[in-house]
Amino acid sequence: VSKSNFKYMYWSMSQQLAHHTVNGCPVNSGDLMGSGTISGPTPDSFGSMLELTWRGEKPIKMADGTERKFINDNDTVIMRGYCEKDGTRIGFGEVKTKLLPVFEPKKNK
């Protein structure tokens, strides 16, 4: 539902790393850094359901015809990423998960 680009990030990863370390965050070799939500300048490049649906005010139509304001129980979320420069593309695979309903234990009577 969203396609964005790291070029829209306000801070580079080097700047984010510096921000962490200057503030006392212990960072070690091999640690992974996450950028957080990447949002672009156009509605189809917004980086979260909150932005895509204008806080739930404007539902978006999914490929199967259903509408979403937010991610629902039992929805599957897939994130894919890659880098590309001068015709060379390196893929990072995908992260895929299913949002399960909240477990509510039965109350004793």
PDB file of N, CA and C in Angstrom:
ATOM      1  N   VAL A   1       0.814  -1.206   0.000  1.00  0.00           N
ATOM      2  CA  VAL A   1       0.000   0.000   0.000  1.00  0.00           C
ATOM      3  C   VAL A   1       0.852   1.261   0.000  1.00  0.00           C
ATOM      4  N   SER A   2       2.157   1.112   0.240  1.00  0.00           N
ATOM      5  CA  SER A   2       3.028   2.282   0.276  1.00  0.00           C
ATOM      6  C   SER A   2       4.359   1.964  -0.382  1.00  0.00           C
ATOM      7  N   LYS A   3       4.872   2.914  -1.148  1.00  0.00           N
ATOM      8  CA  LYS A   3       6.206   2.783  -1.744  1.00  0.00           C
ATOM      9  C   LYS A   3       6.927   4.096  -1.492  1.00  0.00           C
ATOM     10  N   SER A   4       7.973   4.026  -0.693  1.00  0.00           N
ATOM     11  CA  SER A   4       8.715   5.237  -0.388  1.00  0.00           C
ATOM     12  C   SER A   4      10.173   5.055  -0.761  1.00  0.00           C
ATOM     13  N   ASN A   5      10.997   6.011  -0.377  1.00  0.00           N
ATOM     14  CA  ASN A   5      12.387   5.998  -0.779  1.00  0.00           C
ATOM     15  C   ASN A   5      13.216   6.634   0.328  1.00  0.00           C
ATOM     16  N   PHE A   6      14.354   6.038   0.634  1.00  0.00           N
ATOM     17  CA  PHE A   6      15.205   6.553   1.708  1.00  0.00           C
ATOM     18  C   PHE A   6      15.701   7.973   1.431  1.00  0.00           C
ATOM     19  N   LYS A   7      15.665   8.390   0.178  1.00  0.00           N
ATOM     20  CA  LYS A   7      16.125   9.747  -0.144  1.00  0.00           C
ATOM     21  C   LYS A   7      15.266  10.808   0.541  1.00  0.00           C
ATOM     22  N   TYR A   8      14.079  10.433   1.041  1.00  0.00           N
ATOM     23  CA  TYR A   8      13.209  11.384   1.727  1.00  0.00           C
ATOM     24  C   TYR A   8      13.517  11.507   3.222  1.00  0.00           C
ATOM     25  N   MET A   9      14.478  10.747   3.701  1.00  0.00           N
ATOM     26  CA  MET A   9      14.816  10.824   5.127  1.00  0.00           C
ATOM     27  C   MET A   9      15.443  12.175   5.449  1.00  0.00           C
ATOM     28  N   TYR A  10      15.089  12.696   6.603  1.00  0.00           N
ATOM     29  CA  TYR A  10      15.625  13.985   7.046  1.00  0.00           C
ATOM     30  C   TYR A  10      17.091  13.837   7.461  1.00  0.00           C
ATOM     31  N   TRP A  11      17.389  12.741   8.192  1.00  0.00           N
ATOM     32  CA  TRP A  11      18.763  12.470   8.636  1.00  0.00           C
ATOM     33  C   TRP A  11      19.289  11.240   7.918  1.00  0.00           C
ATOM     34  N   SER A  12      20.579  11.267   7.554  1.00  0.00           N
ATOM     35  CA  SER A  12      21.214  10.080   6.984  1.00  0.00           C
ATOM     36  C   SER A  12      21.446   9.067   8.105  1.00  0.00           C
ATOM     37  N   MET A  13      21.789   7.826   7.746  1.00  0.00           N
ATOM     38  CA  MET A  13      22.076   6.820   8.778  1.00  0.00           C
ATOM     39  C   MET A  13      23.310   7.207   9.583  1.00  0.00           C
ATOM     40  N   SER A  14      24.297   7.848   8.950  1.00  0.00           N
ATOM     41  CA  SER A  14      25.478   8.305   9.688  1.00  0.00           C
ATOM     42  C   SER A  14      25.088   9.333  10.746  1.00  0.00           C
ATOM     43  N   GLN A  15      24.184  10.235  10.399  1.00  0.00           N
ATOM     44  CA  GLN A  15      23.714  11.234  11.358  1.00  0.00           C
ATOM     45  C   GLN A  15      22.911  10.583  12.480  1.00  0.00           C
ATOM     46  N   GLN A  16      22.094   9.575  12.131  1.00  0.00           N
ATOM     47  CA  GLN A  16      21.316   8.874  13.154  1.00  0.00           C
ATOM     48  C   GLN A  16      22.241   8.123  14.114  1.00  0.00           C
ATOM     49  N   LEU A  17      23.277   7.492  13.575  1.00  0.00           N
ATOM     50  CA  LEU A  17      24.254   6.793  14.406  1.00  0.00           C
ATOM     51  C   LEU A  17      24.947   7.779  15.345  1.00  0.00           C
ATOM     52  N   ALA A  18      25.357   8.927  14.814  1.00  0.00           N
ATOM     53  CA  ALA A  18      25.999   9.949  15.651  1.00  0.00           C
ATOM     54  C   ALA A  18      25.055  10.421  16.750  1.00  0.00           C
ATOM     55  N   HIS A  19      23.805  10.619  16.414  1.00  0.00           N
ATOM     56  CA  HIS A  19      22.805  11.048  17.397  1.00  0.00           C
ATOM     57  C   HIS A  19      22.688  10.032  18.541  1.00  0.00           C
ATOM     58  N   HIS A  20      22.640   8.757  18.187  1.00  0.00           N
ATOM     59  CA  HIS A  20      22.561   7.707  19.213  1.00  0.00           C
ATOM     60  C   HIS A  20      23.776   7.724  20.129  1.00  0.00           C
ATOM     61  N   THR A  21      24.959   7.723  19.526  1.00  0.00           N
ATOM     62  CA  THR A  21      26.180   7.592  20.334  1.00  0.00           C
ATOM     63  C   THR A  21      26.440   8.831  21.186  1.00  0.00           C
ATOM     64  N   VAL A  22      26.167  10.005  20.666  1.00  0.00           N
ATOM     65  CA  VAL A  22      26.372  11.243  21.434  1.00  0.00           C
ATOM     66  C   VAL A  22      25.464  11.266  22.664  1.00  0.00           C
ATOM     67  N   ASN A  23      24.313  10.622  22.552  1.00  0.00           N
ATOM     68  CA  ASN A  23      23.368  10.600  23.660  1.00  0.00           C
ATOM     69  C   ASN A  23      23.565   9.394  24.587  1.00  0.00           C
ATOM     70  N   GLY A  24      24.661   8.662  24.403  1.00  0.00           N
ATOM     71  CA  GLY A  24      25.001   7.596  25.336  1.00  0.00           C
ATOM     72  C   GLY A  24      24.485   6.211  24.992  1.00  0.00           C
ATOM     73  N   CYS A  25      23.905   6.041  23.832  1.00  0.00           N
ATOM     74  CA  CYS A  25      23.400   4.729  23.429  1.00  0.00           C
ATOM     75  C   CYS A  25      24.586   3.841  23.063  1.00  0.00           C
ATOM     76  N   PRO A  26      24.728   2.688  23.715  1.00  0.00           N
ATOM     77  CA  PRO A  26      25.848   1.811  23.371  1.00  0.00           C
ATOM     78  C   PRO A  26      25.612   1.136  22.020  1.00  0.00           C
ATOM     79  N   VAL A  27      26.507   1.365  21.080  1.00  0.00           N
ATOM     80  CA  VAL A  27      26.408   0.776  19.748  1.00  0.00           C
ATOM     81  C   VAL A  27      27.658  -0.058  19.514  1.00  0.00           C
ATOM     82  N   ASN A  28      27.466  -1.287  19.061  1.00  0.00           N
ATOM     83  CA  ASN A  28      28.581  -2.204  18.831  1.00  0.00           C
ATOM     84  C   ASN A  28      28.653  -2.627  17.374  1.00  0.00           C
ATOM     85  N   SER A  29      29.803  -3.091  16.955  1.00  0.00           N
ATOM     86  CA  SER A  29      29.956  -3.629  15.598  1.00  0.00           C
ATOM     87  C   SER A  29      28.949  -4.743  15.390  1.00  0.00           C
ATOM     88  N   GLY A  30      28.297  -4.732  14.249  1.00  0.00           N
ATOM     89  CA  GLY A  30      27.307  -5.759  13.937  1.00  0.00           C
ATOM     90  C   GLY A  30      25.890  -5.395  14.337  1.00  0.00           C
ATOM     91  N   ASP A  31      25.707  -4.335  15.115  1.00  0.00           N
ATOM     92  CA  ASP A  31      24.352  -3.904  15.485  1.00  0.00           C
ATOM     93  C   ASP A  31      23.611  -3.434  14.235  1.00  0.00           C
ATOM     94  N   LEU A  32      22.315  -3.687  14.201  1.00  0.00           N
ATOM     95  CA  LEU A  32      21.483  -3.224  13.094  1.00  0.00           C
ATOM     96  C   LEU A  32      20.815  -1.918  13.483  1.00  0.00           C
ATOM     97  N   MET A  33      20.706  -1.018  12.533  1.00  0.00           N
ATOM     98  CA  MET A  33      20.027   0.255  12.762  1.00  0.00           C
ATOM     99  C   MET A  33      18.748   0.271  11.924  1.00  0.00           C
ATOM    100  N   GLY A  34      17.684   0.789  12.496  1.00  0.00           N
ATOM    101  CA  GLY A  34      16.438   0.969  11.766  1.00  0.00           C
ATOM    102  C   GLY A  34      16.178   2.447  11.566  1.00  0.00           C
ATOM    103  N   SER A  35      15.684   2.801  10.413  1.00  0.00           N
ATOM    104  CA  SER A  35      15.470   4.209  10.091  1.00  0.00           C
ATOM    105  C   SER A  35      14.184   4.754  10.684  1.00  0.00           C
ATOM    106  N   GLY A  36      13.239   3.883  10.964  1.00  0.00           N
ATOM    107  CA  GLY A  36      11.909   4.362  11.343  1.00  0.00           C
ATOM    108  C   GLY A  36      11.082   4.551  10.086  1.00  0.00           C
ATOM    109  N   THR A  37       9.951   5.190  10.240  1.00  0.00           N
ATOM    110  CA  THR A  37       9.031   5.379   9.125  1.00  0.00           C
ATOM    111  C   THR A  37       9.623   6.333   8.090  1.00  0.00           C
ATOM    112  N   ILE A  38       9.562   5.934   6.834  1.00  0.00           N
ATOM    113  CA  ILE A  38      10.023   6.791   5.735  1.00  0.00           C
ATOM    114  C   ILE A  38       8.791   7.256   4.973  1.00  0.00           C
ATOM    115  N   SER A  39       8.556   8.542   4.982  1.00  0.00           N
ATOM    116  CA  SER A  39       7.425   9.110   4.267  1.00  0.00           C
ATOM    117  C   SER A  39       7.918  10.038   3.176  1.00  0.00           C
ATOM    118  N   GLY A  40       7.318   9.920   2.000  1.00  0.00           N
ATOM    119  CA  GLY A  40       7.680  10.775   0.881  1.00  0.00           C
ATOM    120  C   GLY A  40       6.692  11.923   0.728  1.00  0.00           C
ATOM    121  N   PRO A  41       6.839  12.694  -0.332  1.00  0.00           N
ATOM    122  CA  PRO A  41       6.038  13.905  -0.514  1.00  0.00           C
ATOM    123  C   PRO A  41       4.645  13.686  -1.096  1.00  0.00           C
ATOM    124  N   THR A  42       4.375  12.480  -1.632  1.00  0.00           N
ATOM    125  CA  THR A  42       3.077  12.226  -2.258  1.00  0.00           C
ATOM    126  C   THR A  42       2.287  11.219  -1.438  1.00  0.00           C
ATOM    127  N   PRO A  43       0.951  11.265  -1.516  1.00  0.00           N
ATOM    128  CA  PRO A  43       0.124  10.360  -0.700  1.00  0.00           C
ATOM    129  C   PRO A  43       0.477   8.882  -0.831  1.00  0.00           C
ATOM    130  N   ASP A  44       0.873   8.418  -2.027  1.00  0.00           N
ATOM    131  CA  ASP A  44       1.203   6.997  -2.179  1.00  0.00           C
ATOM    132  C   ASP A  44       2.566   6.649  -1.584  1.00  0.00           C
ATOM    133  N   SER A  45       3.323   7.658  -1.118  1.00  0.00           N
ATOM    134  CA  SER A  45       4.626   7.391  -0.515  1.00  0.00           C
ATOM    135  C   SER A  45       4.623   7.631   0.996  1.00  0.00           C
ATOM    136  N   PHE A  46       3.446   7.890   1.570  1.00  0.00           N
ATOM    137  CA  PHE A  46       3.377   8.033   3.021  1.00  0.00           C
ATOM    138  C   PHE A  46       3.752   6.700   3.649  1.00  0.00           C
ATOM    139  N   GLY A  47       4.407   6.731   4.809  1.00  0.00           N
ATOM    140  CA  GLY A  47       5.021   5.535   5.363  1.00  0.00           C
ATOM    141  C   GLY A  47       4.237   4.781   6.414  1.00  0.00           C
ATOM    142  N   SER A  48       3.038   5.201   6.752  1.00  0.00           N
ATOM    143  CA  SER A  48       2.280   4.482   7.772  1.00  0.00           C
ATOM    144  C   SER A  48       0.797   4.521   7.438  1.00  0.00           C
ATOM    145  N   MET A  49       0.053   3.590   8.004  1.00  0.00           N
ATOM    146  CA  MET A  49      -1.397   3.585   7.805  1.00  0.00           C
ATOM    147  C   MET A  49      -2.022   4.864   8.373  1.00  0.00           C
ATOM    148  N   LEU A  50      -1.453   5.374   9.439  1.00  0.00           N
ATOM    149  CA  LEU A  50      -1.956   6.609  10.038  1.00  0.00           C
ATOM    150  C   LEU A  50      -1.897   7.757   9.033  1.00  0.00           C
ATOM    151  N   GLU A  51      -0.771   7.860   8.314  1.00  0.00           N
ATOM    152  CA  GLU A  51      -0.629   8.901   7.296  1.00  0.00           C
ATOM    153  C   GLU A  51      -1.445   8.587   6.046  1.00  0.00           C
ATOM    154  N   LEU A  52      -1.386   7.333   5.599  1.00  0.00           N
ATOM    155  CA  LEU A  52      -2.092   6.945   4.368  1.00  0.00           C
ATOM    156  C   LEU A  52      -3.587   7.191   4.454  1.00  0.00           C
ATOM    157  N   THR A  53      -4.164   7.011   5.644  1.00  0.00           N
ATOM    158  CA  THR A  53      -5.623   7.146   5.807  1.00  0.00           C
ATOM    159  C   THR A  53      -6.033   8.444   6.495  1.00  0.00           C
ATOM    160  N   TRP A  54      -5.098   9.358   6.648  1.00  0.00           N
ATOM    161  CA  TRP A  54      -5.388  10.625   7.334  1.00  0.00           C
ATOM    162  C   TRP A  54      -6.058  10.373   8.676  1.00  0.00           C
ATOM    163  N   ARG A  55      -5.333   9.600   9.542  1.00  0.00           N
ATOM    164  CA  ARG A  55      -5.799   9.254  10.893  1.00  0.00           C
ATOM    165  C   ARG A  55      -7.112   8.467  10.865  1.00  0.00           C
ATOM    166  N   GLY A  56      -7.318   7.686   9.829  1.00  0.00           N
ATOM    167  CA  GLY A  56      -8.514   6.862   9.720  1.00  0.00           C
ATOM    168  C   GLY A  56      -9.698   7.563   9.083  1.00  0.00           C
ATOM    169  N   GLU A  57      -9.524   8.805   8.668  1.00  0.00           N
ATOM    170  CA  GLU A  57     -10.628   9.567   8.074  1.00  0.00           C
ATOM    171  C   GLU A  57     -10.873   9.213   6.614  1.00  0.00           C
ATOM    172  N   LYS A  58      -9.840   8.723   5.908  1.00  0.00           N
ATOM    173  CA  LYS A  58      -9.954   8.391   4.489  1.00  0.00           C
ATOM    174  C   LYS A  58      -9.469   6.966   4.266  1.00  0.00           C
ATOM    175  N   PRO A  59     -10.385   5.980   4.306  1.00  0.00           N
ATOM    176  CA  PRO A  59      -9.966   4.587   4.110  1.00  0.00           C
ATOM    177  C   PRO A  59      -9.289   4.407   2.745  1.00  0.00           C
ATOM    178  N   ILE A  60      -8.369   3.444   2.676  1.00  0.00           N
ATOM    179  CA  ILE A  60      -7.733   3.132   1.404  1.00  0.00           C
ATOM    180  C   ILE A  60      -8.271   1.808   0.890  1.00  0.00           C
ATOM    181  N   LYS A  61      -8.375   1.694  -0.416  1.00  0.00           N
ATOM    182  CA  LYS A  61      -8.888   0.467  -1.045  1.00  0.00           C
ATOM    183  C   LYS A  61      -7.722  -0.473  -1.288  1.00  0.00           C
ATOM    184  N   MET A  62      -7.888  -1.715  -0.843  1.00  0.00           N
ATOM    185  CA  MET A  62      -6.864  -2.734  -1.028  1.00  0.00           C
ATOM    186  C   MET A  62      -7.048  -3.421  -2.381  1.00  0.00           C
ATOM    187  N   ALA A  63      -6.058  -4.196  -2.799  1.00  0.00           N
ATOM    188  CA  ALA A  63      -6.108  -4.879  -4.094  1.00  0.00           C
ATOM    189  C   ALA A  63      -7.297  -5.828  -4.207  1.00  0.00           C
ATOM    190  N   ASP A  64      -7.730  -6.405  -3.068  1.00  0.00           N
ATOM    191  CA  ASP A  64      -8.855  -7.348  -3.110  1.00  0.00           C
ATOM    192  C   ASP A  64     -10.215  -6.663  -3.020  1.00  0.00           C
ATOM    193  N   GLY A  65     -10.226  -5.326  -3.027  1.00  0.00           N
ATOM    194  CA  GLY A  65     -11.483  -4.585  -2.992  1.00  0.00           C
ATOM    195  C   GLY A  65     -11.933  -4.153  -1.600  1.00  0.00           C
ATOM    196  N   THR A  66     -11.338  -4.723  -0.555  1.00  0.00           N
ATOM    197  CA  THR A  66     -11.699  -4.310   0.802  1.00  0.00           C
ATOM    198  C   THR A  66     -11.077  -2.951   1.107  1.00  0.00           C
ATOM    199  N   GLU A  67     -11.542  -2.323   2.169  1.00  0.00           N
ATOM    200  CA  GLU A  67     -10.994  -1.041   2.593  1.00  0.00           C
ATOM    201  C   GLU A  67     -10.362  -1.173   3.967  1.00  0.00           C
ATOM    202  N   ARG A  68      -9.365  -0.352   4.215  1.00  0.00           N
ATOM    203  CA  ARG A  68      -8.695  -0.337   5.513  1.00  0.00           C
ATOM    204  C   ARG A  68      -8.505   1.091   5.970  1.00  0.00           C
ATOM    205  N   LYS A  69      -8.716   1.296   7.270  1.00  0.00           N
ATOM    206  CA  LYS A  69      -8.341   2.549   7.927  1.00  0.00           C
ATOM    207  C   LYS A  69      -7.069   2.307   8.725  1.00  0.00           C
ATOM    208  N   PHE A  70      -6.951   1.099   9.245  1.00  0.00           N
ATOM    209  CA  PHE A  70      -5.796   0.686  10.038  1.00  0.00           C
ATOM    210  C   PHE A  70      -5.544  -0.780   9.737  1.00  0.00           C
ATOM    211  N   ILE A  71      -4.475  -1.336  10.236  1.00  0.00           N
ATOM    212  CA  ILE A  71      -4.202  -2.760  10.078  1.00  0.00           C
ATOM    213  C   ILE A  71      -5.165  -3.508  11.001  1.00  0.00           C
ATOM    214  N   ASN A  72      -5.822  -4.533  10.483  1.00  0.00           N
ATOM    215  CA  ASN A  72      -6.807  -5.301  11.249  1.00  0.00           C
ATOM    216  C   ASN A  72      -6.231  -6.624  11.742  1.00  0.00           C
ATOM    217  N   ASP A  73      -6.872  -7.202  12.758  1.00  0.00           N
ATOM    218  CA  ASP A  73      -6.515  -8.548  13.202  1.00  0.00           C
ATOM    219  C   ASP A  73      -6.515  -9.484  11.998  1.00  0.00           C
ATOM    220  N   ASN A  74      -5.549 -10.379  11.958  1.00  0.00           N
ATOM    221  CA  ASN A  74      -5.377 -11.396  10.918  1.00  0.00           C
ATOM    222  C   ASN A  74      -4.889 -10.838   9.577  1.00  0.00           C
ATOM    223  N   ASP A  75      -4.597  -9.537   9.483  1.00  0.00           N
ATOM    224  CA  ASP A  75      -3.965  -8.995   8.282  1.00  0.00           C
ATOM    225  C   ASP A  75      -2.509  -9.459   8.251  1.00  0.00           C
ATOM    226  N   THR A  76      -1.982  -9.677   7.056  1.00  0.00           N
ATOM    227  CA  THR A  76      -0.571  -9.997   6.881  1.00  0.00           C
ATOM    228  C   THR A  76       0.129  -8.755   6.338  1.00  0.00           C
ATOM    229  N   VAL A  77       1.213  -8.375   6.981  1.00  0.00           N
ATOM    230  CA  VAL A  77       2.004  -7.216   6.570  1.00  0.00           C
ATOM    231  C   VAL A  77       3.325  -7.716   6.004  1.00  0.00           C
ATOM    232  N   ILE A  78       3.668  -7.235   4.816  1.00  0.00           N
ATOM    233  CA  ILE A  78       4.920  -7.623   4.160  1.00  0.00           C
ATOM    234  C   ILE A  78       5.702  -6.352   3.838  1.00  0.00           C
ATOM    235  N   MET A  79       6.964  -6.322   4.258  1.00  0.00           N
ATOM    236  CA  MET A  79       7.849  -5.207   3.906  1.00  0.00           C
ATOM    237  C   MET A  79       9.000  -5.749   3.079  1.00  0.00           C
ATOM    238  N   ARG A  80       9.285  -5.067   1.968  1.00  0.00           N
ATOM    239  CA  ARG A  80      10.395  -5.436   1.091  1.00  0.00           C
ATOM    240  C   ARG A  80      11.264  -4.206   0.864  1.00  0.00           C
ATOM    241  N   GLY A  81      12.550  -4.432   0.674  1.00  0.00           N
ATOM    242  CA  GLY A  81      13.438  -3.302   0.417  1.00  0.00           C
ATOM    243  C   GLY A  81      14.573  -3.684  -0.501  1.00  0.00           C
ATOM    244  N   TYR A  82      15.101  -2.679  -1.176  1.00  0.00           N
ATOM    245  CA  TYR A  82      16.261  -2.889  -2.032  1.00  0.00           C
ATOM    246  C   TYR A  82      16.991  -1.560  -2.238  1.00  0.00           C
ATOM    247  N   CYS A  83      18.225  -1.653  -2.670  1.00  0.00           N
ATOM    248  CA  CYS A  83      19.017  -0.494  -3.079  1.00  0.00           C
ATOM    249  C   CYS A  83      19.298  -0.641  -4.567  1.00  0.00           C
ATOM    250  N   GLU A  84      19.341   0.485  -5.253  1.00  0.00           N
ATOM    251  CA  GLU A  84      19.617   0.436  -6.686  1.00  0.00           C
ATOM    252  C   GLU A  84      20.429   1.659  -7.079  1.00  0.00           C
ATOM    253  N   LYS A  85      21.478   1.419  -7.872  1.00  0.00           N
ATOM    254  CA  LYS A  85      22.287   2.513  -8.387  1.00  0.00           C
ATOM    255  C   LYS A  85      22.931   2.073  -9.689  1.00  0.00           C
ATOM    256  N   ASP A  86      22.841   2.926 -10.678  1.00  0.00           N
ATOM    257  CA  ASP A  86      23.473   2.675 -11.980  1.00  0.00           C
ATOM    258  C   ASP A  86      23.120   1.296 -12.536  1.00  0.00           C
ATOM    259  N   GLY A  87      21.866   0.899 -12.398  1.00  0.00           N
ATOM    260  CA  GLY A  87      21.410  -0.360 -12.953  1.00  0.00           C
ATOM    261  C   GLY A  87      21.710  -1.595 -12.123  1.00  0.00           C
ATOM    262  N   THR A  88      22.406  -1.432 -11.001  1.00  0.00           N
ATOM    263  CA  THR A  88      22.689  -2.563 -10.117  1.00  0.00           C
ATOM    264  C   THR A  88      21.719  -2.505  -8.939  1.00  0.00           C
ATOM    265  N   ARG A  89      21.058  -3.626  -8.689  1.00  0.00           N
ATOM    266  CA  ARG A  89      20.039  -3.684  -7.633  1.00  0.00           C
ATOM    267  C   ARG A  89      20.406  -4.765  -6.630  1.00  0.00           C
ATOM    268  N   ILE A  90      20.377  -4.410  -5.348  1.00  0.00           N
ATOM    269  CA  ILE A  90      20.638  -5.354  -4.264  1.00  0.00           C
ATOM    270  C   ILE A  90      19.380  -5.442  -3.421  1.00  0.00           C
ATOM    271  N   GLY A  91      18.799  -6.634  -3.338  1.00  0.00           N
ATOM    272  CA  GLY A  91      17.581  -6.821  -2.563  1.00  0.00           C
ATOM    273  C   GLY A  91      17.876  -7.256  -1.140  1.00  0.00           C
ATOM    274  N   PHE A  92      17.018  -6.858  -0.217  1.00  0.00           N
ATOM    275  CA  PHE A  92      17.164  -7.228   1.194  1.00  0.00           C
ATOM    276  C   PHE A  92      16.136  -8.276   1.617  1.00  0.00           C
ATOM    277  N   GLY A  93      15.437  -8.857   0.659  1.00  0.00           N
ATOM    278  CA  GLY A  93      14.428  -9.850   1.004  1.00  0.00           C
ATOM    279  C   GLY A  93      13.172  -9.193   1.528  1.00  0.00           C
ATOM    280  N   GLU A  94      12.430  -9.946   2.337  1.00  0.00           N
ATOM    281  CA  GLU A  94      11.193  -9.400   2.884  1.00  0.00           C
ATOM    282  C   GLU A  94      11.004  -9.811   4.332  1.00  0.00           C
ATOM    283  N   VAL A  95      10.244  -9.005   5.029  1.00  0.00           N
ATOM    284  CA  VAL A  95       9.804  -9.309   6.387  1.00  0.00           C
ATOM    285  C   VAL A  95       8.297  -9.466   6.289  1.00  0.00           C
ATOM    286  N   LYS A  96       7.772 -10.572   6.803  1.00  0.00           N
ATOM    287  CA  LYS A  96       6.350 -10.869   6.663  1.00  0.00           C
ATOM    288  C   LYS A  96       5.810 -11.350   8.001  1.00  0.00           C
ATOM    289  N   THR A  97       4.688 -10.795   8.418  1.00  0.00           N
ATOM    290  CA  THR A  97       4.080 -11.232   9.670  1.00  0.00           C
ATOM    291  C   THR A  97       2.569 -11.076   9.609  1.00  0.00           C
ATOM    292  N   LYS A  98       1.888 -11.863  10.414  1.00  0.00           N
ATOM    293  CA  LYS A  98       0.434 -11.799  10.507  1.00  0.00           C
ATOM    294  C   LYS A  98       0.073 -11.218  11.863  1.00  0.00           C
ATOM    295  N   LEU A  99      -0.789 -10.218  11.871  1.00  0.00           N
ATOM    296  CA  LEU A  99      -1.229  -9.600  13.111  1.00  0.00           C
ATOM    297  C   LEU A  99      -2.312 -10.472  13.741  1.00  0.00           C
ATOM    298  N   LEU A 100      -1.982 -11.071  14.874  1.00  0.00           N
ATOM    299  CA  LEU A 100      -2.922 -11.956  15.556  1.00  0.00           C
ATOM    300  C   LEU A 100      -3.787 -11.171  16.532  1.00  0.00           C
ATOM    301  N   PRO A 101      -5.022 -11.631  16.751  1.00  0.00           N
ATOM    302  CA  PRO A 101      -5.894 -10.954  17.715  1.00  0.00           C
ATOM    303  C   PRO A 101      -5.303 -11.022  19.126  1.00  0.00           C
ATOM    304  N   VAL A 102      -5.686 -10.083  19.958  1.00  0.00           N
ATOM    305  CA  VAL A 102      -5.237 -10.070  21.349  1.00  0.00           C
ATOM    306  C   VAL A 102      -5.810 -11.289  22.059  1.00  0.00           C
ATOM    307  N   PHE A 103      -4.955 -11.967  22.819  1.00  0.00           N
ATOM    308  CA  PHE A 103      -5.412 -13.114  23.604  1.00  0.00           C
ATOM    309  C   PHE A 103      -6.060 -12.598  24.882  1.00  0.00           C
ATOM    310  N   GLU A 104      -7.293 -12.972  25.098  1.00  0.00           N
ATOM    311  CA  GLU A 104      -7.992 -12.577  26.314  1.00  0.00           C
ATOM    312  C   GLU A 104      -8.340 -13.841  27.097  1.00  0.00           C
ATOM    313  N   PRO A 105      -7.665 -14.055  28.245  1.00  0.00           N
ATOM    314  CA  PRO A 105      -7.965 -15.252  29.031  1.00  0.00           C
ATOM    315  C   PRO A 105      -9.398 -15.241  29.537  1.00  0.00           C
ATOM    316  N   LYS A 106      -9.962 -16.454  29.622  1.00  0.00           N
ATOM    317  CA  LYS A 106     -11.330 -16.564  30.141  1.00  0.00           C
ATOM    318  C   LYS A 106     -11.353 -16.236  31.607  1.00  0.00           C
ATOM    319  N   LYS A 107     -12.385 -15.520  32.002  1.00  0.00           N
ATOM    320  CA  LYS A 107     -12.523 -15.142  33.420  1.00  0.00           C
ATOM    321  C   LYS A 107     -13.258 -16.249  34.166  1.00  0.00           C
ATOM    322  N   ASN A 108     -12.800 -16.511  35.405  1.00  0.00           N
ATOM    323  CA  ASN A 108     -13.480 -17.484  36.247  1.00  0.00           C
ATOM    324  C   ASN A 108     -14.788 -16.887  36.755  1.00  0.00           C
ATOM    325  N   LYS A 109     -15.818 -17.720  36.822  1.00  0.00           N
ATOM    326  CA  LYS A 109     -17.122 -17.228  37.316  1.00  0.00           C
ATOM    327  C   LYS A 109     -17.241 -17.411  38.792  1.00  0.00           C
TER     328      LYS A 109
END
